[in-house]
Amino acid sequence: MEIKVFVPTRDPHEGVTGEIYLDNSYGSTLSEKIKAMSAWDADWYIFRHDDLEILRPLMGAIPQFEQFDRDNVGVAGLIGTMCLHTSCQWWQPLRPVVTAGGIIQGFSDGRPDSPMLDCPGYRTDMASVDGCFLAFSRDFLEKFEPHPIHWRYLYDVDACLQCLEMGKKVGILDLQCRHQSEGKFDPREFEDARQKFLAYWKPRVDFPVISQSKFRSV
């Protein structure tokens, strides 16, 4: 099995040996850069943020990717939500995630009802997974369409819903990583992206979305 790792960036530069850096010549939005990965030949494609570090060799995760193939998983991540509401918001800035593949994010906001599923191990029943680390099967990536929602917001949720609409599953990968992000975002830009996201998806599926949701042809 061949797994290739890609890192989005705005400017060309050299990164970790063996990884492929996608600058703006591959598209200005993260969705466009995800689609650009299909030009390479691989079985699975890893899309990681440049502030996320993979702490253990990917070779050890190959059995999980092989199981993903058997289970018809098209998109996988480190952490995810079981139910996607119309807020389309992952967590408050600086919320911690200390399990589910060992991803670490900020400090506690004290909320016991946060929508993210912090559960290590192998799962295939997610509604969506977080975009700091995304794994795509070749079959999914060939069918994926980069929707013009925003250059950096909700591309991950959009990809997950495309995956579910194809009849594929969204899973969690048990892989140890560290995400050194501050969790900052622009509320106005996010709201604009959210409205564009909902304008496209609400006619196609009823919210809240779960892994068993039925999609409508539009």
N, C-alpha and C. Protein backbone atom coordinates (compact mmCIF):
# COMPACT_ATOMS: atom_id res chain seq x y z
N MET A 1 0.85 -1.20 0.00
CA MET A 1 0.00 0.00 0.00
C MET A 1 0.88 1.24 0.00
N GLU A 2 0.53 2.22 -0.85
CA GLU A 2 1.30 3.46 -0.92
C GLU A 2 0.49 4.60 -0.33
N ILE A 3 1.09 5.32 0.62
CA ILE A 3 0.47 6.47 1.27
C ILE A 3 1.35 7.68 1.03
N LYS A 4 0.78 8.74 0.50
CA LYS A 4 1.53 9.97 0.28
C LYS A 4 1.00 11.07 1.19
N VAL A 5 1.91 11.92 1.69
CA VAL A 5 1.56 12.99 2.62
C VAL A 5 1.72 14.33 1.91
N PHE A 6 0.70 15.18 2.02
CA PHE A 6 0.70 16.50 1.39
C PHE A 6 0.47 17.58 2.45
N VAL A 7 1.11 18.75 2.25
CA VAL A 7 1.00 19.85 3.19
C VAL A 7 0.64 21.11 2.41
N PRO A 8 -0.49 21.77 2.73
CA PRO A 8 -0.84 23.01 2.03
C PRO A 8 0.02 24.16 2.51
N THR A 9 0.42 25.02 1.58
CA THR A 9 1.21 26.19 1.92
C THR A 9 0.93 27.26 0.88
N ARG A 10 1.20 28.50 1.22
CA ARG A 10 0.96 29.59 0.26
C ARG A 10 2.13 29.78 -0.68
N ASP A 11 3.33 29.50 -0.20
CA ASP A 11 4.53 29.75 -0.99
C ASP A 11 5.34 28.47 -1.14
N PRO A 12 6.03 28.31 -2.27
CA PRO A 12 6.85 27.11 -2.46
C PRO A 12 7.98 27.06 -1.44
N HIS A 13 8.19 25.92 -0.83
CA HIS A 13 9.35 25.72 0.03
C HIS A 13 9.54 24.24 0.30
N GLU A 14 10.70 23.90 0.78
CA GLU A 14 11.01 22.51 1.06
C GLU A 14 10.50 22.14 2.44
N GLY A 15 9.94 20.96 2.56
CA GLY A 15 9.41 20.52 3.84
C GLY A 15 10.09 19.24 4.30
N VAL A 16 9.35 18.43 5.03
CA VAL A 16 9.86 17.17 5.53
C VAL A 16 10.15 16.24 4.34
N THR A 17 11.27 15.57 4.38
CA THR A 17 11.64 14.66 3.30
C THR A 17 10.54 13.62 3.07
N GLY A 18 10.16 13.48 1.81
CA GLY A 18 9.14 12.50 1.45
C GLY A 18 7.74 13.07 1.41
N GLU A 19 7.54 14.29 1.94
CA GLU A 19 6.23 14.93 1.87
C GLU A 19 6.18 15.87 0.67
N ILE A 20 4.98 16.16 0.21
CA ILE A 20 4.78 17.02 -0.95
C ILE A 20 4.07 18.29 -0.50
N TYR A 21 4.68 19.44 -0.75
CA TYR A 21 4.11 20.72 -0.35
C TYR A 21 3.35 21.32 -1.52
N LEU A 22 2.08 21.69 -1.26
CA LEU A 22 1.21 22.24 -2.29
C LEU A 22 1.08 23.74 -2.10
N ASP A 23 1.77 24.53 -2.95
CA ASP A 23 1.66 25.98 -2.87
C ASP A 23 0.48 26.44 -3.70
N ASN A 24 0.35 27.76 -3.87
CA ASN A 24 -0.84 28.31 -4.55
C ASN A 24 -0.88 28.01 -6.04
N SER A 25 0.18 27.46 -6.60
CA SER A 25 0.10 27.04 -8.00
C SER A 25 -0.83 25.85 -8.17
N TYR A 26 -1.17 25.17 -7.04
CA TYR A 26 -2.11 24.06 -7.07
C TYR A 26 -3.53 24.49 -6.70
N GLY A 27 -3.73 25.81 -6.54
CA GLY A 27 -5.03 26.34 -6.16
C GLY A 27 -4.90 27.21 -4.92
N SER A 28 -5.76 28.20 -4.80
CA SER A 28 -5.67 29.13 -3.67
C SER A 28 -6.50 28.68 -2.48
N THR A 29 -7.40 27.71 -2.67
CA THR A 29 -8.21 27.22 -1.57
C THR A 29 -7.74 25.84 -1.14
N LEU A 30 -8.04 25.48 0.10
CA LEU A 30 -7.64 24.17 0.59
C LEU A 30 -8.36 23.06 -0.18
N SER A 31 -9.61 23.29 -0.57
CA SER A 31 -10.35 22.29 -1.35
C SER A 31 -9.68 22.04 -2.70
N GLU A 32 -9.21 23.10 -3.34
CA GLU A 32 -8.52 22.93 -4.62
C GLU A 32 -7.22 22.16 -4.45
N LYS A 33 -6.53 22.41 -3.35
CA LYS A 33 -5.28 21.69 -3.11
C LYS A 33 -5.54 20.22 -2.81
N ILE A 34 -6.64 19.93 -2.12
CA ILE A 34 -7.01 18.53 -1.89
C ILE A 34 -7.25 17.83 -3.22
N LYS A 35 -7.99 18.46 -4.10
CA LYS A 35 -8.25 17.85 -5.41
C LYS A 35 -6.96 17.65 -6.20
N ALA A 36 -6.03 18.59 -6.06
CA ALA A 36 -4.77 18.50 -6.81
C ALA A 36 -3.96 17.27 -6.44
N MET A 37 -4.18 16.71 -5.26
CA MET A 37 -3.43 15.54 -4.83
C MET A 37 -3.68 14.34 -5.74
N SER A 38 -4.83 14.31 -6.41
CA SER A 38 -5.17 13.16 -7.24
C SER A 38 -4.26 13.02 -8.45
N ALA A 39 -3.44 14.05 -8.73
CA ALA A 39 -2.49 13.96 -9.83
C ALA A 39 -1.36 12.97 -9.52
N TRP A 40 -1.17 12.69 -8.23
CA TRP A 40 -0.16 11.71 -7.83
C TRP A 40 -0.79 10.33 -7.73
N ASP A 41 0.02 9.31 -7.85
CA ASP A 41 -0.46 7.94 -7.76
C ASP A 41 -0.25 7.42 -6.34
N ALA A 42 -1.32 7.07 -5.64
CA ALA A 42 -1.23 6.52 -4.29
C ALA A 42 -2.53 5.78 -3.99
N ASP A 43 -2.50 5.01 -2.92
CA ASP A 43 -3.72 4.34 -2.45
C ASP A 43 -4.48 5.22 -1.47
N TRP A 44 -3.73 5.90 -0.59
CA TRP A 44 -4.32 6.85 0.36
C TRP A 44 -3.50 8.13 0.35
N TYR A 45 -4.20 9.26 0.56
CA TYR A 45 -3.58 10.58 0.51
C TYR A 45 -3.80 11.27 1.85
N ILE A 46 -2.71 11.67 2.49
CA ILE A 46 -2.79 12.38 3.76
C ILE A 46 -2.64 13.87 3.52
N PHE A 47 -3.56 14.65 4.06
CA PHE A 47 -3.55 16.12 3.94
C PHE A 47 -3.39 16.67 5.35
N ARG A 48 -2.20 17.17 5.70
CA ARG A 48 -1.96 17.65 7.05
C ARG A 48 -1.60 19.13 7.05
N HIS A 49 -2.03 19.84 8.09
CA HIS A 49 -1.62 21.23 8.26
C HIS A 49 -0.14 21.30 8.61
N ASP A 50 0.48 22.43 8.30
CA ASP A 50 1.91 22.54 8.57
C ASP A 50 2.22 22.72 10.06
N ASP A 51 1.17 22.92 10.90
CA ASP A 51 1.39 22.99 12.34
C ASP A 51 1.01 21.68 13.03
N LEU A 52 0.82 20.63 12.24
CA LEU A 52 0.54 19.31 12.80
C LEU A 52 1.73 18.39 12.54
N GLU A 53 2.17 17.72 13.56
CA GLU A 53 3.31 16.82 13.48
C GLU A 53 2.82 15.38 13.67
N ILE A 54 3.17 14.50 12.73
CA ILE A 54 2.87 13.08 12.85
C ILE A 54 3.98 12.45 13.68
N LEU A 55 3.63 11.91 14.86
CA LEU A 55 4.63 11.50 15.83
C LEU A 55 5.09 10.06 15.66
N ARG A 56 4.35 9.25 14.93
CA ARG A 56 4.74 7.86 14.72
C ARG A 56 4.70 7.54 13.23
N PRO A 57 5.55 6.62 12.78
CA PRO A 57 5.60 6.31 11.34
C PRO A 57 4.25 5.84 10.81
N LEU A 58 3.91 6.33 9.61
CA LEU A 58 2.64 5.94 9.00
C LEU A 58 2.60 4.46 8.64
N MET A 59 3.76 3.84 8.51
CA MET A 59 3.78 2.41 8.18
C MET A 59 3.00 1.60 9.20
N GLY A 60 3.03 2.03 10.46
CA GLY A 60 2.31 1.30 11.50
C GLY A 60 0.80 1.40 11.37
N ALA A 61 0.32 2.36 10.57
CA ALA A 61 -1.13 2.54 10.39
C ALA A 61 -1.66 1.81 9.17
N ILE A 62 -0.80 1.16 8.41
CA ILE A 62 -1.24 0.50 7.18
C ILE A 62 -2.37 -0.50 7.42
N PRO A 63 -2.33 -1.32 8.49
CA PRO A 63 -3.48 -2.22 8.71
C PRO A 63 -4.81 -1.50 8.86
N GLN A 64 -4.79 -0.28 9.44
CA GLN A 64 -6.03 0.48 9.57
C GLN A 64 -6.50 0.96 8.20
N PHE A 65 -5.57 1.40 7.35
CA PHE A 65 -5.97 1.82 6.01
C PHE A 65 -6.49 0.64 5.20
N GLU A 66 -5.90 -0.50 5.36
CA GLU A 66 -6.40 -1.69 4.67
C GLU A 66 -7.81 -2.04 5.14
N GLN A 67 -8.07 -1.86 6.43
CA GLN A 67 -9.42 -2.10 6.95
C GLN A 67 -10.38 -1.04 6.46
N PHE A 68 -9.92 0.19 6.34
CA PHE A 68 -10.76 1.26 5.76
C PHE A 68 -11.21 0.86 4.36
N ASP A 69 -10.30 0.31 3.57
CA ASP A 69 -10.68 -0.13 2.22
C ASP A 69 -11.77 -1.18 2.27
N ARG A 70 -11.64 -2.13 3.18
CA ARG A 70 -12.65 -3.18 3.30
C ARG A 70 -13.98 -2.64 3.80
N ASP A 71 -13.93 -1.58 4.60
CA ASP A 71 -15.15 -1.01 5.20
C ASP A 71 -15.74 0.13 4.37
N ASN A 72 -15.19 0.40 3.18
CA ASN A 72 -15.71 1.44 2.29
C ASN A 72 -15.62 2.83 2.91
N VAL A 73 -14.50 3.10 3.57
CA VAL A 73 -14.25 4.43 4.13
C VAL A 73 -13.57 5.29 3.06
N GLY A 74 -14.09 6.50 2.86
CA GLY A 74 -13.52 7.41 1.88
C GLY A 74 -12.70 8.52 2.48
N VAL A 75 -13.07 8.94 3.71
CA VAL A 75 -12.38 10.03 4.41
C VAL A 75 -12.16 9.59 5.85
N ALA A 76 -10.98 9.89 6.38
CA ALA A 76 -10.69 9.57 7.78
C ALA A 76 -9.89 10.71 8.40
N GLY A 77 -10.04 10.86 9.72
CA GLY A 77 -9.31 11.88 10.44
C GLY A 77 -8.89 11.37 11.80
N LEU A 78 -8.49 12.29 12.67
CA LEU A 78 -8.04 11.93 14.01
C LEU A 78 -9.15 12.08 15.04
N ILE A 79 -10.00 13.06 14.85
CA ILE A 79 -11.11 13.34 15.77
C ILE A 79 -12.31 13.74 14.93
N GLY A 80 -13.50 13.46 15.43
CA GLY A 80 -14.67 13.77 14.63
C GLY A 80 -15.91 13.97 15.46
N THR A 81 -16.99 14.34 14.79
CA THR A 81 -18.28 14.50 15.43
C THR A 81 -19.25 13.47 14.88
N MET A 82 -20.10 12.94 15.77
CA MET A 82 -21.07 11.93 15.39
C MET A 82 -22.31 12.55 14.74
N CYS A 83 -22.54 13.83 15.02
CA CYS A 83 -23.76 14.48 14.56
C CYS A 83 -23.41 15.92 14.18
N LEU A 84 -23.70 16.30 12.94
CA LEU A 84 -23.32 17.61 12.43
C LEU A 84 -24.53 18.52 12.41
N HIS A 85 -24.50 19.57 13.24
CA HIS A 85 -25.60 20.53 13.32
C HIS A 85 -25.36 21.69 12.36
N THR A 86 -26.34 22.54 12.21
CA THR A 86 -26.22 23.65 11.27
C THR A 86 -25.24 24.72 11.71
N SER A 87 -24.80 24.68 12.97
CA SER A 87 -23.78 25.64 13.39
C SER A 87 -22.46 25.37 12.68
N CYS A 88 -22.19 24.10 12.35
CA CYS A 88 -20.98 23.72 11.62
C CYS A 88 -19.73 24.27 12.29
N GLN A 89 -19.70 24.25 13.58
CA GLN A 89 -18.55 24.78 14.32
C GLN A 89 -17.98 23.68 15.20
N TRP A 90 -16.67 23.49 15.12
CA TRP A 90 -16.05 22.38 15.81
C TRP A 90 -15.96 22.58 17.31
N TRP A 91 -15.32 23.61 17.75
CA TRP A 91 -15.16 23.85 19.18
C TRP A 91 -14.80 25.31 19.39
N GLN A 92 -14.92 25.73 20.62
CA GLN A 92 -14.45 27.07 20.95
C GLN A 92 -12.93 27.10 20.82
N PRO A 93 -12.36 28.26 20.49
CA PRO A 93 -10.90 28.33 20.38
C PRO A 93 -10.22 27.82 21.65
N LEU A 94 -9.12 27.12 21.46
CA LEU A 94 -8.28 26.59 22.54
C LEU A 94 -8.91 25.43 23.30
N ARG A 95 -9.87 24.75 22.68
CA ARG A 95 -10.41 23.55 23.31
C ARG A 95 -9.40 22.42 23.20
N PRO A 96 -9.23 21.60 24.26
CA PRO A 96 -8.23 20.53 24.18
C PRO A 96 -8.79 19.26 23.55
N VAL A 97 -7.96 18.56 22.86
CA VAL A 97 -8.30 17.21 22.42
C VAL A 97 -7.08 16.36 22.73
N VAL A 98 -7.19 15.53 23.73
CA VAL A 98 -6.00 14.84 24.24
C VAL A 98 -6.04 13.34 23.98
N THR A 99 -7.07 12.86 23.28
CA THR A 99 -7.12 11.45 22.92
C THR A 99 -7.32 11.34 21.42
N ALA A 100 -8.01 10.32 20.97
CA ALA A 100 -8.32 10.12 19.55
C ALA A 100 -7.09 10.30 18.67
N GLY A 101 -6.12 9.45 18.85
CA GLY A 101 -4.92 9.54 18.06
C GLY A 101 -3.86 10.40 18.72
N GLY A 102 -4.10 10.86 19.92
CA GLY A 102 -3.10 11.64 20.64
C GLY A 102 -2.96 13.07 20.17
N ILE A 103 -4.00 13.62 19.52
CA ILE A 103 -3.91 15.01 19.07
C ILE A 103 -4.09 15.95 20.25
N ILE A 104 -3.32 17.02 20.29
CA ILE A 104 -3.32 17.95 21.42
C ILE A 104 -3.67 19.34 20.90
N GLN A 105 -4.64 20.00 21.51
CA GLN A 105 -5.10 21.29 21.02
C GLN A 105 -5.43 22.21 22.19
N GLY A 106 -4.57 23.19 22.46
CA GLY A 106 -4.89 24.27 23.38
C GLY A 106 -5.18 23.90 24.81
N PHE A 107 -6.15 24.60 25.41
CA PHE A 107 -6.49 24.46 26.83
C PHE A 107 -7.98 24.22 26.99
N SER A 108 -8.38 23.74 28.16
CA SER A 108 -9.77 23.36 28.39
C SER A 108 -10.69 24.57 28.46
N ASP A 109 -11.87 24.44 27.82
CA ASP A 109 -12.89 25.49 27.98
C ASP A 109 -13.96 25.04 28.97
N GLY A 110 -13.79 23.84 29.53
CA GLY A 110 -14.68 23.39 30.59
C GLY A 110 -16.05 22.92 30.16
N ARG A 111 -16.28 22.79 28.86
CA ARG A 111 -17.61 22.39 28.39
C ARG A 111 -17.70 20.86 28.31
N PRO A 112 -18.65 20.26 29.01
CA PRO A 112 -18.80 18.81 28.95
C PRO A 112 -19.56 18.33 27.72
N ASP A 113 -20.20 19.27 26.98
CA ASP A 113 -21.06 18.87 25.87
C ASP A 113 -20.46 19.22 24.52
N SER A 114 -19.13 19.39 24.46
CA SER A 114 -18.50 19.72 23.19
C SER A 114 -18.78 18.64 22.16
N PRO A 115 -19.00 19.04 20.91
CA PRO A 115 -19.48 18.08 19.91
C PRO A 115 -18.42 17.13 19.39
N MET A 116 -17.15 17.38 19.64
CA MET A 116 -16.11 16.51 19.12
C MET A 116 -16.08 15.19 19.87
N LEU A 117 -15.80 14.11 19.16
CA LEU A 117 -15.69 12.79 19.77
C LEU A 117 -14.22 12.52 20.07
N ASP A 118 -13.86 12.55 21.35
CA ASP A 118 -12.49 12.30 21.77
C ASP A 118 -12.39 10.83 22.17
N CYS A 119 -12.25 9.98 21.20
CA CYS A 119 -12.29 8.53 21.46
C CYS A 119 -11.21 7.86 20.61
N PRO A 120 -10.14 7.35 21.23
CA PRO A 120 -9.09 6.71 20.43
C PRO A 120 -9.56 5.39 19.85
N GLY A 121 -8.95 4.99 18.78
CA GLY A 121 -9.29 3.71 18.19
C GLY A 121 -9.83 3.84 16.78
N TYR A 122 -10.45 2.78 16.31
CA TYR A 122 -10.91 2.67 14.93
C TYR A 122 -12.42 2.80 14.90
N ARG A 123 -12.93 3.78 14.13
CA ARG A 123 -14.38 3.96 13.99
C ARG A 123 -14.69 4.31 12.54
N THR A 124 -15.90 3.99 12.11
CA THR A 124 -16.31 4.31 10.73
C THR A 124 -17.71 4.92 10.69
N ASP A 125 -18.14 5.52 11.80
CA ASP A 125 -19.51 6.04 11.88
C ASP A 125 -19.57 7.53 12.16
N MET A 126 -18.59 8.27 11.67
CA MET A 126 -18.56 9.71 11.89
C MET A 126 -19.46 10.45 10.89
N ALA A 127 -19.92 11.63 11.31
CA ALA A 127 -20.56 12.55 10.37
C ALA A 127 -19.50 13.45 9.72
N SER A 128 -18.45 13.76 10.47
CA SER A 128 -17.38 14.61 9.94
C SER A 128 -16.16 14.48 10.82
N VAL A 129 -15.00 14.82 10.27
CA VAL A 129 -13.74 14.82 11.01
C VAL A 129 -13.02 16.14 10.77
N ASP A 130 -12.08 16.45 11.65
CA ASP A 130 -11.42 17.75 11.62
C ASP A 130 -10.34 17.83 10.54
N GLY A 131 -10.20 19.03 9.96
CA GLY A 131 -9.34 19.21 8.79
C GLY A 131 -7.87 19.37 9.04
N CYS A 132 -7.41 19.34 10.30
CA CYS A 132 -5.97 19.47 10.53
C CYS A 132 -5.21 18.27 9.99
N PHE A 133 -5.90 17.12 9.91
CA PHE A 133 -5.33 15.89 9.36
C PHE A 133 -6.47 15.13 8.70
N LEU A 134 -6.37 14.96 7.39
CA LEU A 134 -7.40 14.23 6.65
C LEU A 134 -6.74 13.17 5.78
N ALA A 135 -7.33 12.01 5.75
CA ALA A 135 -6.87 10.93 4.88
C ALA A 135 -7.97 10.63 3.87
N PHE A 136 -7.61 10.52 2.60
CA PHE A 136 -8.58 10.29 1.53
C PHE A 136 -8.21 9.04 0.75
N SER A 137 -9.20 8.22 0.45
CA SER A 137 -8.96 7.09 -0.45
C SER A 137 -8.87 7.61 -1.88
N ARG A 138 -8.21 6.84 -2.72
CA ARG A 138 -8.07 7.25 -4.11
C ARG A 138 -9.44 7.35 -4.79
N ASP A 139 -10.30 6.40 -4.53
CA ASP A 139 -11.61 6.40 -5.17
C ASP A 139 -12.40 7.65 -4.79
N PHE A 140 -12.34 8.04 -3.51
CA PHE A 140 -13.04 9.26 -3.10
C PHE A 140 -12.44 10.47 -3.78
N LEU A 141 -11.11 10.57 -3.77
CA LEU A 141 -10.45 11.77 -4.27
C LEU A 141 -10.72 11.99 -5.75
N GLU A 142 -10.84 10.91 -6.51
CA GLU A 142 -11.14 11.05 -7.93
C GLU A 142 -12.52 11.65 -8.17
N LYS A 143 -13.45 11.41 -7.25
CA LYS A 143 -14.83 11.92 -7.39
C LYS A 143 -15.05 13.25 -6.67
N PHE A 144 -14.14 13.63 -5.81
CA PHE A 144 -14.29 14.84 -4.99
C PHE A 144 -14.36 16.10 -5.85
N GLU A 145 -15.28 17.02 -5.49
CA GLU A 145 -15.42 18.30 -6.18
C GLU A 145 -15.09 19.43 -5.22
N PRO A 146 -14.12 20.29 -5.56
CA PRO A 146 -13.77 21.41 -4.67
C PRO A 146 -14.79 22.54 -4.75
N HIS A 147 -15.74 22.57 -3.83
CA HIS A 147 -16.78 23.60 -3.82
C HIS A 147 -16.21 24.94 -3.35
N PRO A 148 -16.62 26.04 -3.97
CA PRO A 148 -16.09 27.37 -3.61
C PRO A 148 -16.78 27.96 -2.38
N ILE A 149 -16.54 27.36 -1.22
CA ILE A 149 -17.16 27.84 0.02
C ILE A 149 -16.29 28.93 0.65
N HIS A 150 -15.04 28.64 0.89
CA HIS A 150 -14.09 29.58 1.48
C HIS A 150 -12.70 28.99 1.31
N TRP A 151 -11.70 29.81 1.33
CA TRP A 151 -10.36 29.26 1.08
C TRP A 151 -9.86 28.39 2.22
N ARG A 152 -10.40 28.61 3.48
CA ARG A 152 -9.87 27.80 4.57
C ARG A 152 -10.93 27.29 5.57
N TYR A 153 -12.18 27.69 5.45
CA TYR A 153 -13.21 27.24 6.38
C TYR A 153 -14.14 26.21 5.76
N LEU A 154 -14.48 25.19 6.55
CA LEU A 154 -15.51 24.18 6.24
C LEU A 154 -15.18 23.29 5.05
N TYR A 155 -13.96 23.35 4.55
CA TYR A 155 -13.55 22.43 3.50
C TYR A 155 -13.56 20.98 4.02
N ASP A 156 -13.25 20.81 5.31
CA ASP A 156 -13.21 19.47 5.88
C ASP A 156 -14.61 18.87 6.00
N VAL A 157 -15.57 19.67 6.48
CA VAL A 157 -16.94 19.19 6.62
C VAL A 157 -17.55 18.95 5.24
N ASP A 158 -17.25 19.83 4.29
CA ASP A 158 -17.75 19.66 2.93
C ASP A 158 -17.24 18.34 2.34
N ALA A 159 -15.97 18.03 2.54
CA ALA A 159 -15.42 16.78 2.03
C ALA A 159 -16.10 15.58 2.68
N CYS A 160 -16.37 15.68 3.97
CA CYS A 160 -17.02 14.56 4.66
C CYS A 160 -18.44 14.33 4.14
N LEU A 161 -19.18 15.42 3.90
CA LEU A 161 -20.54 15.25 3.38
C LEU A 161 -20.52 14.72 1.94
N GLN A 162 -19.54 15.13 1.16
CA GLN A 162 -19.41 14.54 -0.17
C GLN A 162 -19.16 13.04 -0.06
N CYS A 163 -18.35 12.65 0.91
CA CYS A 163 -18.05 11.25 1.13
C CYS A 163 -19.32 10.46 1.49
N LEU A 164 -20.09 10.99 2.43
CA LEU A 164 -21.33 10.32 2.81
C LEU A 164 -22.33 10.29 1.65
N GLU A 165 -22.37 11.36 0.87
CA GLU A 165 -23.29 11.41 -0.27
C GLU A 165 -22.93 10.34 -1.31
N MET A 166 -21.64 10.01 -1.42
CA MET A 166 -21.19 8.96 -2.33
C MET A 166 -21.56 7.56 -1.83
N GLY A 167 -22.05 7.47 -0.59
CA GLY A 167 -22.34 6.17 -0.02
C GLY A 167 -21.16 5.56 0.70
N LYS A 168 -20.12 6.36 0.93
CA LYS A 168 -18.94 5.90 1.64
C LYS A 168 -19.02 6.32 3.11
N LYS A 169 -18.06 5.86 3.90
CA LYS A 169 -18.05 6.14 5.33
C LYS A 169 -16.94 7.12 5.69
N VAL A 170 -17.13 7.77 6.83
CA VAL A 170 -16.13 8.67 7.40
C VAL A 170 -15.62 8.04 8.69
N GLY A 171 -14.31 7.91 8.81
CA GLY A 171 -13.76 7.17 9.93
C GLY A 171 -12.76 7.96 10.77
N ILE A 172 -12.37 7.34 11.87
CA ILE A 172 -11.33 7.87 12.74
C ILE A 172 -10.12 6.94 12.67
N LEU A 173 -8.94 7.54 12.51
CA LEU A 173 -7.69 6.82 12.43
C LEU A 173 -6.96 6.95 13.77
N ASP A 174 -6.52 5.84 14.32
CA ASP A 174 -5.80 5.86 15.59
C ASP A 174 -4.32 6.06 15.32
N LEU A 175 -3.90 7.32 15.25
CA LEU A 175 -2.53 7.67 14.91
C LEU A 175 -2.09 8.83 15.80
N GLN A 176 -0.93 8.74 16.37
CA GLN A 176 -0.49 9.77 17.31
C GLN A 176 0.10 10.96 16.57
N CYS A 177 -0.48 12.12 16.82
CA CYS A 177 -0.03 13.37 16.21
C CYS A 177 -0.09 14.48 17.26
N ARG A 178 0.51 15.62 16.92
CA ARG A 178 0.40 16.80 17.78
C ARG A 178 0.08 18.00 16.90
N HIS A 179 -1.02 18.69 17.24
CA HIS A 179 -1.45 19.87 16.49
C HIS A 179 -1.19 21.09 17.34
N GLN A 180 -0.25 21.91 16.93
CA GLN A 180 0.14 23.07 17.73
C GLN A 180 -0.55 24.33 17.20
N SER A 181 -1.87 24.31 17.25
CA SER A 181 -2.67 25.41 16.73
C SER A 181 -3.26 26.23 17.87
N GLU A 182 -3.42 27.53 17.64
CA GLU A 182 -4.07 28.40 18.61
C GLU A 182 -5.58 28.37 18.48
N GLY A 183 -6.10 27.81 17.41
CA GLY A 183 -7.55 27.71 17.23
C GLY A 183 -8.23 29.02 16.91
N LYS A 184 -7.51 29.98 16.33
CA LYS A 184 -8.10 31.29 16.03
C LYS A 184 -8.85 31.24 14.70
N PHE A 185 -9.93 32.03 14.63
CA PHE A 185 -10.63 32.16 13.36
C PHE A 185 -11.34 33.51 13.33
N ASP A 186 -11.68 33.96 12.13
CA ASP A 186 -12.38 35.23 11.94
C ASP A 186 -13.88 34.95 11.94
N PRO A 187 -14.64 35.42 12.93
CA PRO A 187 -16.07 35.10 13.01
C PRO A 187 -16.85 35.53 11.77
N ARG A 188 -16.50 36.68 11.19
CA ARG A 188 -17.25 37.15 10.01
C ARG A 188 -16.97 36.27 8.79
N GLU A 189 -15.71 35.92 8.60
CA GLU A 189 -15.38 35.03 7.49
C GLU A 189 -16.02 33.66 7.68
N PHE A 190 -16.01 33.18 8.93
CA PHE A 190 -16.59 31.87 9.20
C PHE A 190 -18.10 31.88 8.93
N GLU A 191 -18.78 32.94 9.34
CA GLU A 191 -20.22 33.02 9.13
C GLU A 191 -20.55 33.07 7.64
N ASP A 192 -19.74 33.80 6.87
CA ASP A 192 -19.94 33.84 5.42
C ASP A 192 -19.76 32.46 4.82
N ALA A 193 -18.73 31.74 5.27
CA ALA A 193 -18.50 30.38 4.78
C ALA A 193 -19.63 29.45 5.20
N ARG A 194 -20.12 29.62 6.41
CA ARG A 194 -21.20 28.77 6.91
C ARG A 194 -22.46 28.94 6.06
N GLN A 195 -22.79 30.17 5.72
CA GLN A 195 -23.97 30.42 4.90
C GLN A 195 -23.84 29.80 3.51
N LYS A 196 -22.66 29.89 2.91
CA LYS A 196 -22.44 29.29 1.60
C LYS A 196 -22.50 27.76 1.70
N PHE A 197 -21.94 27.23 2.78
CA PHE A 197 -21.97 25.79 3.01
C PHE A 197 -23.40 25.29 3.12
N LEU A 198 -24.21 25.97 3.93
CA LEU A 198 -25.59 25.55 4.14
C LEU A 198 -26.44 25.75 2.88
N ALA A 199 -26.16 26.81 2.12
CA ALA A 199 -26.90 27.04 0.89
C ALA A 199 -26.72 25.88 -0.08
N TYR A 200 -25.55 25.26 -0.06
CA TYR A 200 -25.32 24.12 -0.94
C TYR A 200 -25.89 22.82 -0.36
N TRP A 201 -25.67 22.59 0.96
CA TRP A 201 -25.98 21.27 1.51
C TRP A 201 -27.39 21.11 2.06
N LYS A 202 -28.04 22.17 2.51
CA LYS A 202 -29.38 21.99 3.09
C LYS A 202 -30.40 21.45 2.09
N PRO A 203 -30.32 21.81 0.79
CA PRO A 203 -31.25 21.16 -0.15
C PRO A 203 -30.93 19.68 -0.39
N ARG A 204 -29.74 19.24 -0.02
CA ARG A 204 -29.29 17.89 -0.35
C ARG A 204 -29.45 16.89 0.80
N VAL A 205 -29.53 17.41 2.05
CA VAL A 205 -29.59 16.52 3.21
C VAL A 205 -30.24 17.26 4.36
N ASP A 206 -30.96 16.54 5.20
CA ASP A 206 -31.58 17.15 6.38
C ASP A 206 -30.56 17.24 7.52
N PHE A 207 -30.54 18.38 8.19
CA PHE A 207 -29.70 18.58 9.37
C PHE A 207 -30.52 18.32 10.62
N PRO A 208 -29.92 17.78 11.70
CA PRO A 208 -28.51 17.40 11.81
C PRO A 208 -28.18 16.16 10.99
N VAL A 209 -26.92 16.09 10.54
CA VAL A 209 -26.45 15.00 9.70
C VAL A 209 -25.76 13.95 10.56
N ILE A 210 -26.07 12.69 10.32
CA ILE A 210 -25.35 11.59 10.93
C ILE A 210 -24.86 10.67 9.82
N SER A 211 -24.07 9.67 10.18
CA SER A 211 -23.46 8.82 9.15
C SER A 211 -24.50 8.08 8.33
N GLN A 212 -25.71 7.88 8.90
CA GLN A 212 -26.76 7.14 8.18
C GLN A 212 -27.73 8.05 7.42
N SER A 213 -27.46 9.35 7.36
CA SER A 213 -28.37 10.27 6.70
C SER A 213 -28.53 9.94 5.22
N LYS A 214 -29.73 10.19 4.71
CA LYS A 214 -30.02 9.97 3.31
C LYS A 214 -29.92 11.29 2.55
N PHE A 215 -29.21 11.27 1.45
CA PHE A 215 -29.01 12.46 0.64
C PHE A 215 -29.97 12.48 -0.53
N ARG A 216 -30.32 13.69 -0.97
CA ARG A 216 -31.27 13.87 -2.07
C ARG A 216 -30.52 14.36 -3.31
N SER A 217 -30.92 13.89 -4.46
CA SER A 217 -30.37 14.41 -5.72
C SER A 217 -31.01 15.76 -5.99
N VAL A 218 -30.22 16.74 -6.32
CA VAL A 218 -30.71 18.09 -6.57
C VAL A 218 -30.36 18.50 -7.99
